Protein backbone atom coordinates (compact mmCIF):
# COMPACT_ATOMS: atom_id res chain seq x y z
CA UNK A 1 4.62 102.39 209.48
CA UNK A 2 4.18 104.76 206.42
CA UNK A 3 3.85 103.07 203.16
CA UNK A 4 6.18 104.02 200.30
CA UNK A 5 3.61 106.30 198.53
CA UNK A 6 2.97 108.33 201.71
CA UNK A 7 6.82 108.54 202.40
CA UNK A 8 7.29 109.88 198.91
CA UNK A 9 4.68 112.52 199.40
CA UNK A 10 6.06 113.67 202.62
CA UNK A 11 9.59 114.03 200.94
CA UNK A 12 8.17 116.09 198.13
CA UNK A 13 6.33 118.47 200.60
CA UNK A 14 9.52 118.78 202.81
CA UNK A 15 11.64 119.69 199.61
CA UNK A 16 9.14 122.28 198.50
CA UNK A 17 9.21 123.85 201.96
CA UNK A 18 13.01 124.01 202.03
CA UNK A 19 13.12 125.49 198.36
CA UNK A 20 10.42 128.08 199.46
CA UNK A 21 12.47 129.06 202.49
CA UNK A 22 15.57 129.52 200.52
CA UNK A 23 13.81 131.74 198.00
CA UNK A 24 12.37 133.88 200.82
CA UNK A 25 15.96 134.23 202.35
CA UNK A 26 17.49 135.27 199.12
CA UNK A 27 14.72 137.74 198.16
CA UNK A 28 14.76 139.42 201.57
CA UNK A 29 18.47 139.17 202.15
CA UNK A 30 19.60 141.20 199.16
CA UNK A 31 17.62 144.55 199.92
CA UNK A 32 19.09 144.32 203.51
CA UNK A 33 22.64 144.04 201.97
CA UNK A 34 22.00 146.94 199.62
CA UNK A 35 20.66 149.17 202.45
CA UNK A 36 23.84 148.36 204.51
CA UNK A 37 26.10 149.26 201.66
CA UNK A 38 24.10 152.46 200.96
CA UNK A 39 24.19 153.37 204.59
CA UNK A 40 27.94 153.00 204.72
CA UNK A 41 28.29 155.11 201.63
CA UNK A 42 25.99 157.78 203.14
CA UNK A 43 27.96 157.88 206.38
CA UNK A 44 31.23 158.23 204.40
CA UNK A 45 29.75 160.92 202.20
CA UNK A 46 28.37 162.78 205.33
CA UNK A 47 31.89 162.63 206.92
CA UNK A 48 33.40 164.05 203.75
CA UNK A 49 30.89 166.80 203.65
CA UNK A 50 31.79 167.84 207.17
CA UNK A 51 35.47 167.99 206.59
CA UNK A 52 36.62 171.65 206.32
CA UNK A 53 37.33 172.64 202.84
CA UNK A 54 40.79 173.86 201.79
CA UNK A 55 41.16 177.57 201.45
CA UNK A 56 42.42 179.02 198.23
CA UNK A 57 46.14 179.11 197.81
CA UNK A 58 47.84 182.14 196.30
CA UNK A 59 46.53 185.02 194.29
CA UNK A 60 44.05 184.65 191.50
CA UNK A 61 40.46 183.83 190.85
CA UNK A 62 38.72 181.69 193.38
CA UNK A 63 35.30 181.24 195.03
CA UNK A 64 36.08 183.65 197.90
CA UNK A 65 37.98 186.51 196.18
CA UNK A 66 35.00 187.83 194.40
CA UNK A 67 32.25 190.65 194.59
CA UNK A 68 33.29 192.99 197.34
CA UNK A 69 36.13 190.85 198.27
CA UNK A 70 37.61 190.67 194.69
CA UNK A 71 40.63 192.56 195.87
CA UNK A 72 41.48 190.05 198.63
CA UNK A 73 44.65 188.20 197.89
CA UNK A 74 45.26 184.81 199.47
CA UNK A 75 48.85 183.74 200.54
CA UNK A 76 50.14 180.53 198.81
CA UNK A 77 50.82 179.44 202.34
CA UNK A 78 49.79 181.04 205.71
CA UNK A 79 52.73 183.25 206.83
CA UNK A 80 53.92 184.10 210.29
CA UNK A 81 53.64 187.69 211.27
CA UNK A 82 56.00 189.78 213.36
CA UNK A 83 54.74 190.22 216.98
CA UNK A 84 55.12 194.01 217.19
CA UNK A 85 53.83 196.15 220.07
CA UNK A 86 50.99 198.61 220.17
CA UNK A 87 48.52 200.04 222.79
CA UNK A 88 44.84 199.57 223.71
CA UNK A 89 42.51 202.42 224.94
CA UNK A 90 43.77 202.05 228.57
CA UNK A 91 47.42 202.54 227.49
CA UNK A 92 48.20 198.86 228.17
CA UNK A 93 50.84 197.37 225.83
CA UNK A 94 49.34 194.76 223.48
CA UNK A 95 50.62 192.46 220.65
CA UNK A 96 48.95 190.11 218.12
CA UNK A 97 49.93 187.19 220.47
CA UNK A 98 47.09 188.34 222.72
CA UNK A 99 44.75 187.04 220.08
CA UNK A 100 46.33 183.68 219.57
CA UNK A 101 43.55 181.06 219.08
CA UNK A 102 41.19 183.53 217.36
CA UNK A 103 40.74 184.28 213.73
CA UNK A 104 41.46 188.09 213.51
CA UNK A 105 40.74 190.70 210.86
CA UNK A 106 43.42 193.29 211.41
CA UNK A 107 42.63 196.69 209.89
CA UNK A 108 45.31 199.46 209.75
CA UNK A 109 43.79 202.93 209.58
CA UNK A 110 44.22 206.56 210.40
CA UNK A 111 41.85 209.55 211.02
CA UNK A 112 43.47 211.43 208.19
CA UNK A 113 42.77 208.59 205.74
CA UNK A 114 39.44 209.38 203.94
CA UNK A 115 38.81 205.73 202.72
CA UNK A 116 39.71 204.55 206.27
CA UNK A 117 37.01 206.78 207.78
CA UNK A 118 34.43 205.61 205.15
CA UNK A 119 34.94 201.90 205.74
CA UNK A 120 35.12 201.94 209.51
CA UNK A 121 31.20 201.63 210.08
CA UNK A 122 31.22 198.38 208.00
CA UNK A 123 34.04 197.01 210.14
CA UNK A 124 32.01 197.86 213.22
CA UNK A 125 28.93 196.07 211.80
CA UNK A 126 31.06 193.06 210.80
CA UNK A 127 32.19 192.82 214.45
CA UNK A 128 28.65 193.10 215.67
CA UNK A 129 27.56 190.43 213.27
CA UNK A 130 30.37 187.81 213.59
CA UNK A 131 32.46 188.93 216.69
CA UNK A 132 32.78 185.85 219.14
CA UNK A 133 35.35 183.93 221.10
CA UNK A 134 36.52 182.68 217.65
CA UNK A 135 36.53 185.93 215.64
CA UNK A 136 37.44 189.59 216.22
CA UNK A 137 37.99 192.65 214.16
CA UNK A 138 41.06 194.56 215.42
CA UNK A 139 41.13 198.07 214.12
CA UNK A 140 44.49 199.49 214.67
CA UNK A 141 45.07 203.25 214.35
CA UNK A 142 48.50 204.30 213.03
CA UNK A 143 47.58 207.95 213.49
CA UNK A 144 50.51 210.01 215.03
CA UNK A 145 47.82 211.90 217.12
CA UNK A 146 47.63 208.87 219.39
CA UNK A 147 44.75 207.45 221.37
CA UNK A 148 42.76 210.68 221.95
CA UNK A 149 42.55 211.59 218.34
CA UNK A 150 41.56 208.15 217.40
CA UNK A 151 39.01 207.86 220.31
CA UNK A 152 37.36 211.14 219.29
CA UNK A 153 36.79 209.98 215.85
CA UNK A 154 35.33 206.55 216.80
CA UNK A 155 33.03 208.33 219.19
CA UNK A 156 31.90 210.68 216.47
CA UNK A 157 30.86 207.75 214.11
CA UNK A 158 29.32 206.00 217.01
CA UNK A 159 31.39 202.90 216.83
CA UNK A 160 29.66 200.27 219.25
CA UNK A 161 31.73 197.01 218.86
CA UNK A 162 35.27 197.84 217.91
CA UNK A 163 37.93 198.32 220.59
CA UNK A 164 40.47 201.14 220.50
CA UNK A 165 43.97 200.07 219.56
CA UNK A 166 46.76 202.53 218.57
CA UNK A 167 50.26 202.53 217.24
CA UNK A 168 51.38 206.24 217.30
CA UNK A 169 54.90 205.18 216.19
CA UNK A 170 53.33 203.87 212.89
CA UNK A 171 55.93 201.08 212.98
CA UNK A 172 53.09 198.60 212.37
CA UNK A 173 52.79 199.68 208.66
CA UNK A 174 56.52 198.72 208.02
CA UNK A 175 56.43 195.68 210.19
CA UNK A 176 53.38 194.45 208.22
CA UNK A 177 54.63 195.69 204.80
CA UNK A 178 51.51 197.74 204.29
CA UNK A 179 51.38 199.82 201.21
CA UNK A 180 49.04 202.72 201.70
CA UNK A 181 46.09 202.73 204.01
CA UNK A 182 43.65 201.12 204.70
CA UNK A 183 45.18 197.57 204.59
CA UNK A 184 43.14 194.65 206.10
CA UNK A 185 44.89 191.49 206.99
CA UNK A 186 43.15 188.15 207.86
CA UNK A 187 45.05 186.23 210.47
CA UNK A 188 44.42 182.58 211.48
CA UNK A 189 44.42 181.23 215.10
CA UNK A 190 48.05 180.45 214.88
CA UNK A 191 48.94 184.15 214.20
CA UNK A 192 49.71 183.62 210.59
CA UNK A 193 48.57 185.82 207.66
CA UNK A 194 46.10 184.02 205.41
CA UNK A 195 45.78 186.96 203.07
CA UNK A 196 45.09 190.71 202.73
CA UNK A 197 43.09 193.31 200.96
CA UNK A 198 44.76 196.74 200.28
CA UNK A 199 42.15 199.60 200.01
CA UNK A 200 38.72 200.05 201.41
CA UNK A 201 36.10 197.32 201.22
CA UNK A 202 32.48 196.61 202.27
CA UNK A 203 33.47 194.55 205.21
CA UNK A 204 29.83 194.10 206.28
CA UNK A 205 28.80 192.54 202.93
CA UNK A 206 27.64 188.94 202.47
CA UNK A 207 30.96 188.44 200.32
CA UNK A 208 33.05 189.37 203.42
CA UNK A 209 31.07 187.35 205.80
CA UNK A 210 31.43 184.36 203.35
CA UNK A 211 35.17 184.74 203.47
CA UNK A 212 35.29 185.09 207.16
CA UNK A 213 33.06 181.96 207.74
CA UNK A 214 35.12 179.93 205.27
CA UNK A 215 38.32 180.72 207.30
CA UNK A 216 36.42 179.93 210.61
CA UNK A 217 35.25 176.61 209.06
CA UNK A 218 38.75 175.66 207.73
CA UNK A 219 40.21 176.16 211.24
CA UNK A 220 37.65 173.93 212.88
């Protein structure tokens, strides 16, 4: 049997060991808890960063209507557009409903409109740069000369990416409440107008691409 002195020594050693273990647990446990909290915060922050940002609402200064896009005016809320009829290069009847599910940049132009002719190459380059299953530039000619006149012009300026679409009745201008030409309307995947720019613009500029990408991101 252990004498009383030996027993007391063993108790002291055991108590010291328990205290040491507790100190190690507390010391190591706290950083783990901090890391867990930080990890949760990081995940939450990452999720928020991935959430599509809201587009500007209504006219006025904003992060997207600047530079070459300074004249672009956002709608306060996306507005439905009339589903009017026009024709493609083969003579087939088309409507904006054919592009449902895509973001569309609809440009109204005519061969007799000098600013329209000037900006057409930029629209072609924009389509080459960003055209996809999610986005398309639709250049709609409202020239009364019809498809042949418009096709001849597009061939002359060596358009590579834009399709031929025509409305020789010019009804599209009244349906879309276009004041003058060119008018370019940005349409979301639900066929609603997000905003528009009246007059010519540098549609292949970084400002224009930033605008288009923001709309594509907002719809994802």
